[in-house]
Structures are given as C-alpha cells and as structure tokens.
Amino acid sequence: MASVSHFLACGMVEFRQSKGVSAALWSGDADYGWGSGDAFEAQMSNNACIAQNALVHTAYERRADLRAYGIYLSDILQYATYMKKPSDVIASWGNSTGHRRMMQCNTTHHAGVAVAKSGGRYCFTIVYERNNYNQSGS
C-alpha cells in the first residue's frame, strides 16, 4: 500500500499547489520520520473503517495533548471504495465544501496518509496538523 499512499500524498501536494497553498510535509509511513504520528493516526482510522465496514470519523486519543502545544489535528479525510484511484478520491474530496476547506488550509504544515485494502475495498485517509483551530481553506 506504500505506493498507493505515495500517489495519494503526491496528488494532495499537486492539489494544494494548484490552489496556491504550500505543499505541507507528508508522511505515508507509520514507522518513520516527522509526521509519522499523523500517518499512524490515518492508519488507525483505516483499521477502524475496515473493522466496522463503515467510514469512521473519530477523535484521536492524542488530540487534547497536542492542543496543549498549539497543534490541531483536522478531522480525517476518509474515503472507502472498491474501484477508485487516489486521483479520483482527491477529486471527490475537492467537490465537498468541508473536505476542500481542509485540503486548502494554509496553516497546515504536516500531514500523514494511509491506504488500506480488505476484500477488494480500499480505504484512503489523510490526517492534517495545523497551527490553529480555524480552517482557512475555501
């Protein structure tokens, strides 16, 4: 799934840059690098999605701790499907006002991605960190 995660992250970089927003630092590997916590959170969300056979937009255990340091995690961007490519998922998020605002938030500097597959069904998830509570995207 690492290559699919890579395509998802690259697609989001292109989307953000096309809107004049910085690319953000991406992590698609839950075990390595800055932002790995974000990728880990994304993967945990995917695991819940697969286990419950439903999209799971839940809070993160570490949200309160991070807010004490001025770090806010966005609600997850999650999409479960049988046949979509990462570029199709990004286009779908871009057509949703709430998701698009998160995708274009200019205070986002780090993000993590994860993709999971179970029984032919894919789950795509992105977690953003931003520097304040407000989502500045349009």
N, C-alpha and C. Protein backbone atom coordinates (compact mmCIF):
# COMPACT_ATOMS: atom_id res chain seq x y z
N MET A 1 0.81 -1.20 0.00
CA MET A 1 0.00 0.00 0.00
C MET A 1 0.86 1.27 0.00
N ALA A 2 2.18 1.09 0.24
CA ALA A 2 3.04 2.27 0.30
C ALA A 2 3.01 3.06 -1.00
N SER A 3 3.00 2.39 -2.14
CA SER A 3 2.99 3.13 -3.41
C SER A 3 1.67 3.87 -3.62
N VAL A 4 0.56 3.28 -3.18
CA VAL A 4 -0.73 3.96 -3.30
C VAL A 4 -0.76 5.17 -2.37
N SER A 5 -0.21 5.02 -1.15
CA SER A 5 -0.11 6.15 -0.22
C SER A 5 0.72 7.26 -0.83
N HIS A 6 1.81 6.88 -1.50
CA HIS A 6 2.67 7.87 -2.15
C HIS A 6 1.89 8.65 -3.22
N PHE A 7 1.11 7.95 -4.04
CA PHE A 7 0.32 8.63 -5.06
C PHE A 7 -0.74 9.54 -4.44
N LEU A 8 -1.32 9.12 -3.32
CA LEU A 8 -2.30 9.95 -2.63
C LEU A 8 -1.64 11.23 -2.11
N ALA A 9 -0.47 11.10 -1.47
CA ALA A 9 0.24 12.26 -0.96
C ALA A 9 0.66 13.19 -2.10
N CYS A 10 1.20 12.63 -3.18
CA CYS A 10 1.62 13.45 -4.32
C CYS A 10 0.44 14.18 -4.94
N GLY A 11 -0.69 13.49 -5.04
CA GLY A 11 -1.89 14.13 -5.57
C GLY A 11 -2.36 15.28 -4.71
N MET A 12 -2.25 15.13 -3.39
CA MET A 12 -2.65 16.22 -2.50
C MET A 12 -1.69 17.39 -2.59
N VAL A 13 -0.39 17.11 -2.75
CA VAL A 13 0.58 18.18 -2.95
C VAL A 13 0.21 18.97 -4.20
N GLU A 14 -0.07 18.27 -5.29
CA GLU A 14 -0.44 18.94 -6.54
C GLU A 14 -1.73 19.75 -6.37
N PHE A 15 -2.72 19.18 -5.68
CA PHE A 15 -3.97 19.90 -5.46
C PHE A 15 -3.72 21.18 -4.68
N ARG A 16 -2.97 21.07 -3.57
CA ARG A 16 -2.71 22.25 -2.73
C ARG A 16 -1.93 23.31 -3.52
N GLN A 17 -0.92 22.89 -4.26
CA GLN A 17 -0.14 23.85 -5.02
C GLN A 17 -0.97 24.51 -6.12
N SER A 18 -1.91 23.78 -6.71
CA SER A 18 -2.77 24.35 -7.75
C SER A 18 -3.69 25.43 -7.18
N LYS A 19 -3.89 25.41 -5.86
CA LYS A 19 -4.73 26.41 -5.19
C LYS A 19 -3.89 27.49 -4.52
N GLY A 20 -2.56 27.45 -4.74
CA GLY A 20 -1.68 28.46 -4.17
C GLY A 20 -1.36 28.24 -2.70
N VAL A 21 -1.51 27.01 -2.22
CA VAL A 21 -1.26 26.68 -0.82
C VAL A 21 0.01 25.84 -0.74
N SER A 22 0.80 26.03 0.32
CA SER A 22 2.04 25.26 0.45
C SER A 22 1.76 23.76 0.45
N ALA A 23 2.75 23.01 0.03
CA ALA A 23 2.58 21.57 -0.15
C ALA A 23 2.40 20.82 1.16
N ALA A 24 2.97 21.27 2.26
CA ALA A 24 2.99 20.60 3.57
C ALA A 24 3.98 19.43 3.51
N LEU A 25 4.46 19.01 4.66
CA LEU A 25 5.34 17.86 4.76
C LEU A 25 4.49 16.63 4.96
N TRP A 26 4.74 15.61 4.15
CA TRP A 26 3.89 14.42 4.15
C TRP A 26 4.61 13.21 4.69
N SER A 27 3.88 12.37 5.38
CA SER A 27 4.38 11.08 5.82
C SER A 27 3.37 10.02 5.44
N GLY A 28 3.82 9.04 4.70
CA GLY A 28 2.95 7.92 4.36
C GLY A 28 3.45 6.64 5.01
N ASP A 29 4.39 6.77 5.91
CA ASP A 29 4.98 5.61 6.57
C ASP A 29 4.76 5.74 8.06
N ALA A 30 3.96 4.86 8.63
CA ALA A 30 3.61 4.96 10.04
C ALA A 30 4.78 4.67 10.98
N ASP A 31 5.90 4.24 10.45
CA ASP A 31 7.02 3.87 11.31
C ASP A 31 8.26 4.75 11.14
N TYR A 32 8.17 5.82 10.36
CA TYR A 32 9.38 6.57 10.06
C TYR A 32 9.10 8.06 9.88
N GLY A 33 9.98 8.88 10.43
CA GLY A 33 10.03 10.29 10.08
C GLY A 33 9.06 11.20 10.81
N TRP A 34 9.30 12.51 10.69
CA TRP A 34 8.41 13.51 11.27
C TRP A 34 7.08 13.38 10.57
N GLY A 35 6.04 13.47 11.32
CA GLY A 35 4.72 13.29 10.75
C GLY A 35 4.26 11.85 10.81
N SER A 36 5.14 10.96 11.31
CA SER A 36 4.75 9.56 11.37
C SER A 36 3.55 9.37 12.28
N GLY A 37 3.42 10.23 13.30
CA GLY A 37 2.23 10.15 14.15
C GLY A 37 0.97 10.39 13.34
N ASP A 38 1.05 11.30 12.38
CA ASP A 38 -0.11 11.58 11.52
C ASP A 38 -0.44 10.37 10.66
N ALA A 39 0.58 9.73 10.10
CA ALA A 39 0.35 8.54 9.29
C ALA A 39 -0.20 7.41 10.16
N PHE A 40 0.30 7.31 11.38
CA PHE A 40 -0.20 6.29 12.30
C PHE A 40 -1.68 6.53 12.60
N GLU A 41 -2.06 7.79 12.86
CA GLU A 41 -3.46 8.11 13.12
C GLU A 41 -4.32 7.76 11.90
N ALA A 42 -3.80 8.04 10.72
CA ALA A 42 -4.54 7.72 9.50
C ALA A 42 -4.73 6.21 9.36
N GLN A 43 -3.68 5.46 9.67
CA GLN A 43 -3.78 4.00 9.56
C GLN A 43 -4.76 3.44 10.60
N MET A 44 -4.75 3.99 11.82
CA MET A 44 -5.69 3.53 12.84
C MET A 44 -7.14 3.80 12.40
N SER A 45 -7.35 4.92 11.74
CA SER A 45 -8.67 5.24 11.22
C SER A 45 -9.07 4.23 10.14
N ASN A 46 -8.12 3.89 9.26
CA ASN A 46 -8.39 2.88 8.23
C ASN A 46 -8.75 1.53 8.85
N ASN A 47 -8.01 1.15 9.87
CA ASN A 47 -8.28 -0.13 10.53
C ASN A 47 -9.70 -0.16 11.09
N ALA A 48 -10.13 0.96 11.69
CA ALA A 48 -11.49 1.03 12.24
C ALA A 48 -12.52 0.98 11.11
N CYS A 49 -12.22 1.64 10.00
CA CYS A 49 -13.12 1.63 8.85
C CYS A 49 -13.33 0.21 8.35
N ILE A 50 -12.26 -0.53 8.22
CA ILE A 50 -12.35 -1.91 7.73
C ILE A 50 -13.06 -2.80 8.74
N ALA A 51 -12.71 -2.65 10.02
CA ALA A 51 -13.32 -3.50 11.05
C ALA A 51 -14.82 -3.27 11.17
N GLN A 52 -15.25 -2.00 11.03
CA GLN A 52 -16.67 -1.67 11.18
C GLN A 52 -17.41 -1.65 9.85
N ASN A 53 -16.67 -1.83 8.74
CA ASN A 53 -17.25 -1.77 7.40
C ASN A 53 -18.02 -0.47 7.19
N ALA A 54 -17.44 0.62 7.66
CA ALA A 54 -18.07 1.94 7.55
C ALA A 54 -17.00 3.01 7.70
N LEU A 55 -17.27 4.20 7.18
CA LEU A 55 -16.36 5.32 7.41
C LEU A 55 -16.40 5.68 8.88
N VAL A 56 -15.25 5.98 9.45
CA VAL A 56 -15.15 6.26 10.87
C VAL A 56 -14.48 7.62 11.04
N HIS A 57 -15.24 8.63 11.36
CA HIS A 57 -14.69 9.97 11.61
C HIS A 57 -14.65 10.17 13.12
N THR A 58 -13.57 9.73 13.74
CA THR A 58 -13.48 9.77 15.19
C THR A 58 -12.38 10.71 15.64
N ALA A 59 -12.46 11.09 16.91
CA ALA A 59 -11.41 11.90 17.51
C ALA A 59 -10.19 11.02 17.78
N TYR A 60 -9.05 11.65 17.93
CA TYR A 60 -7.81 10.94 18.18
C TYR A 60 -7.50 10.99 19.66
N GLU A 61 -6.92 9.92 20.16
CA GLU A 61 -6.57 9.88 21.57
C GLU A 61 -5.64 11.02 21.95
N ARG A 62 -4.74 11.40 21.07
CA ARG A 62 -3.73 12.39 21.43
C ARG A 62 -4.14 13.83 21.13
N ARG A 63 -5.37 14.07 20.68
CA ARG A 63 -5.77 15.43 20.32
C ARG A 63 -5.62 16.42 21.47
N ALA A 64 -6.13 16.08 22.65
CA ALA A 64 -6.06 17.02 23.78
C ALA A 64 -4.62 17.33 24.15
N ASP A 65 -3.76 16.33 24.14
CA ASP A 65 -2.35 16.56 24.46
C ASP A 65 -1.71 17.49 23.44
N LEU A 66 -2.00 17.29 22.18
CA LEU A 66 -1.41 18.12 21.13
C LEU A 66 -1.92 19.55 21.19
N ARG A 67 -3.20 19.74 21.50
CA ARG A 67 -3.75 21.10 21.57
C ARG A 67 -3.04 21.93 22.63
N ALA A 68 -2.57 21.28 23.69
CA ALA A 68 -1.83 21.99 24.73
C ALA A 68 -0.56 22.63 24.16
N TYR A 69 -0.06 22.09 23.06
CA TYR A 69 1.12 22.62 22.39
C TYR A 69 0.77 23.45 21.16
N GLY A 70 -0.52 23.74 20.97
CA GLY A 70 -0.94 24.55 19.84
C GLY A 70 -1.02 23.79 18.53
N ILE A 71 -1.10 22.47 18.57
CA ILE A 71 -1.20 21.66 17.36
C ILE A 71 -2.61 21.09 17.29
N TYR A 72 -3.26 21.31 16.18
CA TYR A 72 -4.63 20.84 15.98
C TYR A 72 -4.64 19.82 14.85
N LEU A 73 -5.26 18.68 15.10
CA LEU A 73 -5.45 17.69 14.05
C LEU A 73 -6.80 17.93 13.41
N SER A 74 -6.83 17.93 12.10
CA SER A 74 -8.10 18.08 11.41
C SER A 74 -8.93 16.83 11.59
N ASP A 75 -10.21 16.95 11.35
CA ASP A 75 -10.99 15.74 11.18
C ASP A 75 -10.41 15.03 9.98
N ILE A 76 -10.49 13.75 10.00
CA ILE A 76 -9.87 12.98 8.92
C ILE A 76 -10.62 13.16 7.61
N LEU A 77 -9.88 13.03 6.54
CA LEU A 77 -10.47 12.92 5.22
C LEU A 77 -10.41 11.44 4.90
N GLN A 78 -11.55 10.82 4.79
CA GLN A 78 -11.57 9.37 4.59
C GLN A 78 -12.52 9.01 3.46
N TYR A 79 -12.14 8.03 2.68
CA TYR A 79 -12.95 7.61 1.55
C TYR A 79 -12.79 6.11 1.39
N ALA A 80 -13.88 5.38 1.39
CA ALA A 80 -13.83 3.93 1.21
C ALA A 80 -14.48 3.58 -0.12
N THR A 81 -13.84 2.73 -0.89
CA THR A 81 -14.32 2.43 -2.23
C THR A 81 -13.77 1.09 -2.72
N TYR A 82 -14.37 0.59 -3.75
CA TYR A 82 -13.87 -0.64 -4.37
C TYR A 82 -13.01 -0.37 -5.60
N MET A 83 -13.25 0.73 -6.33
CA MET A 83 -12.62 0.87 -7.63
C MET A 83 -11.88 2.19 -7.87
N LYS A 84 -11.81 3.08 -6.93
CA LYS A 84 -11.24 4.40 -7.19
C LYS A 84 -9.71 4.40 -7.17
N LYS A 85 -9.15 5.35 -7.91
CA LYS A 85 -7.73 5.63 -7.86
C LYS A 85 -7.53 6.80 -6.90
N PRO A 86 -6.31 7.00 -6.36
CA PRO A 86 -6.09 8.15 -5.48
C PRO A 86 -6.52 9.47 -6.11
N SER A 87 -6.28 9.65 -7.41
CA SER A 87 -6.67 10.91 -8.07
C SER A 87 -8.18 11.09 -8.06
N ASP A 88 -8.94 10.00 -8.19
CA ASP A 88 -10.40 10.09 -8.13
C ASP A 88 -10.87 10.46 -6.72
N VAL A 89 -10.20 9.91 -5.71
CA VAL A 89 -10.54 10.22 -4.33
C VAL A 89 -10.30 11.70 -4.04
N ILE A 90 -9.16 12.21 -4.49
CA ILE A 90 -8.85 13.63 -4.30
C ILE A 90 -9.89 14.50 -4.98
N ALA A 91 -10.29 14.14 -6.19
CA ALA A 91 -11.32 14.90 -6.90
C ALA A 91 -12.64 14.87 -6.12
N SER A 92 -12.99 13.73 -5.54
CA SER A 92 -14.22 13.63 -4.75
C SER A 92 -14.15 14.53 -3.53
N TRP A 93 -13.02 14.51 -2.82
CA TRP A 93 -12.86 15.39 -1.67
C TRP A 93 -12.94 16.85 -2.11
N GLY A 94 -12.34 17.17 -3.25
CA GLY A 94 -12.35 18.55 -3.75
C GLY A 94 -13.74 19.06 -4.07
N ASN A 95 -14.69 18.16 -4.30
CA ASN A 95 -16.06 18.56 -4.59
C ASN A 95 -16.92 18.69 -3.34
N SER A 96 -16.34 18.45 -2.18
CA SER A 96 -17.05 18.58 -0.90
C SER A 96 -16.53 19.83 -0.19
N THR A 97 -17.41 20.74 0.15
CA THR A 97 -17.00 22.01 0.76
C THR A 97 -16.15 21.80 2.00
N GLY A 98 -16.58 20.95 2.91
CA GLY A 98 -15.83 20.72 4.15
C GLY A 98 -14.48 20.10 3.91
N HIS A 99 -14.43 19.08 3.06
CA HIS A 99 -13.15 18.44 2.76
C HIS A 99 -12.22 19.40 2.03
N ARG A 100 -12.77 20.16 1.09
CA ARG A 100 -11.94 21.11 0.33
C ARG A 100 -11.32 22.15 1.26
N ARG A 101 -12.08 22.62 2.26
CA ARG A 101 -11.53 23.59 3.21
C ARG A 101 -10.32 23.01 3.94
N MET A 102 -10.41 21.74 4.33
CA MET A 102 -9.27 21.11 4.99
C MET A 102 -8.10 20.96 4.03
N MET A 103 -8.40 20.57 2.80
CA MET A 103 -7.35 20.36 1.81
C MET A 103 -6.59 21.64 1.50
N GLN A 104 -7.27 22.78 1.58
CA GLN A 104 -6.67 24.07 1.21
C GLN A 104 -6.26 24.90 2.42
N CYS A 105 -6.32 24.37 3.62
CA CYS A 105 -6.00 25.13 4.82
C CYS A 105 -4.54 25.58 4.77
N ASN A 106 -4.31 26.91 4.84
CA ASN A 106 -2.94 27.40 4.69
C ASN A 106 -2.13 27.37 5.97
N THR A 107 -2.72 26.93 7.08
CA THR A 107 -1.93 26.77 8.30
C THR A 107 -1.51 25.32 8.52
N THR A 108 -1.78 24.46 7.56
CA THR A 108 -1.36 23.06 7.63
C THR A 108 0.09 22.96 7.19
N HIS A 109 0.92 22.38 8.03
CA HIS A 109 2.33 22.23 7.69
C HIS A 109 2.78 20.78 7.65
N HIS A 110 2.02 19.88 8.26
CA HIS A 110 2.36 18.46 8.28
C HIS A 110 1.10 17.64 8.05
N ALA A 111 1.27 16.49 7.43
CA ALA A 111 0.13 15.62 7.17
C ALA A 111 0.61 14.18 7.07
N GLY A 112 -0.30 13.26 7.30
CA GLY A 112 0.01 11.84 7.16
C GLY A 112 -1.05 11.17 6.31
N VAL A 113 -0.65 10.19 5.53
CA VAL A 113 -1.59 9.46 4.69
C VAL A 113 -1.48 7.97 4.97
N ALA A 114 -2.58 7.28 4.71
CA ALA A 114 -2.59 5.82 4.82
C ALA A 114 -3.63 5.27 3.87
N VAL A 115 -3.34 4.11 3.33
CA VAL A 115 -4.28 3.40 2.47
C VAL A 115 -4.31 1.96 2.95
N ALA A 116 -5.50 1.42 3.08
CA ALA A 116 -5.66 0.02 3.50
C ALA A 116 -6.58 -0.68 2.50
N LYS A 117 -6.41 -1.98 2.38
CA LYS A 117 -7.25 -2.77 1.48
C LYS A 117 -7.72 -4.02 2.20
N SER A 118 -9.00 -4.31 2.06
CA SER A 118 -9.56 -5.52 2.65
C SER A 118 -10.69 -6.01 1.76
N GLY A 119 -10.57 -7.24 1.28
CA GLY A 119 -11.62 -7.81 0.45
C GLY A 119 -11.90 -7.02 -0.81
N GLY A 120 -10.87 -6.43 -1.40
CA GLY A 120 -11.05 -5.64 -2.61
C GLY A 120 -11.49 -4.21 -2.36
N ARG A 121 -11.73 -3.85 -1.12
CA ARG A 121 -12.17 -2.50 -0.77
C ARG A 121 -10.98 -1.70 -0.24
N TYR A 122 -10.81 -0.50 -0.75
CA TYR A 122 -9.74 0.38 -0.30
C TYR A 122 -10.30 1.43 0.64
N CYS A 123 -9.48 1.83 1.58
CA CYS A 123 -9.83 2.95 2.45
C CYS A 123 -8.67 3.94 2.39
N PHE A 124 -8.94 5.17 1.99
CA PHE A 124 -7.95 6.23 1.86
C PHE A 124 -8.17 7.23 3.00
N THR A 125 -7.11 7.59 3.71
CA THR A 125 -7.25 8.53 4.82
C THR A 125 -6.08 9.51 4.83
N ILE A 126 -6.40 10.77 5.12
CA ILE A 126 -5.39 11.80 5.32
C ILE A 126 -5.68 12.47 6.66
N VAL A 127 -4.63 12.72 7.44
CA VAL A 127 -4.73 13.47 8.68
C VAL A 127 -3.83 14.69 8.53
N TYR A 128 -4.39 15.87 8.80
CA TYR A 128 -3.63 17.12 8.74
C TYR A 128 -3.37 17.64 10.14
N GLU A 129 -2.19 18.24 10.34
CA GLU A 129 -1.94 19.06 11.52
C GLU A 129 -1.94 20.49 11.06
N ARG A 130 -2.51 21.37 11.87
CA ARG A 130 -2.47 22.78 11.53
C ARG A 130 -2.16 23.58 12.79
N ASN A 131 -1.78 24.84 12.61
CA ASN A 131 -1.29 25.64 13.72
C ASN A 131 -2.37 26.35 14.51
N ASN A 132 -3.59 26.32 14.06
CA ASN A 132 -4.65 26.93 14.84
C ASN A 132 -5.94 26.19 14.58
N TYR A 133 -6.96 26.54 15.34
CA TYR A 133 -8.21 25.80 15.25
C TYR A 133 -8.94 26.05 13.94
N ASN A 134 -8.81 27.26 13.40
CA ASN A 134 -9.59 27.62 12.22
C ASN A 134 -9.02 26.99 10.95
N GLN A 135 -9.92 26.49 10.13
CA GLN A 135 -9.52 26.01 8.81
C GLN A 135 -9.67 27.17 7.84
N SER A 136 -8.57 27.54 7.22
CA SER A 136 -8.57 28.75 6.40
C SER A 136 -8.89 28.50 4.95
N GLY A 137 -9.06 27.27 4.55
CA GLY A 137 -9.31 26.98 3.13
C GLY A 137 -10.67 27.46 2.68
N SER A 138 -10.85 27.49 1.36
CA SER A 138 -12.14 27.95 0.82
C SER A 138 -12.77 26.87 -0.03
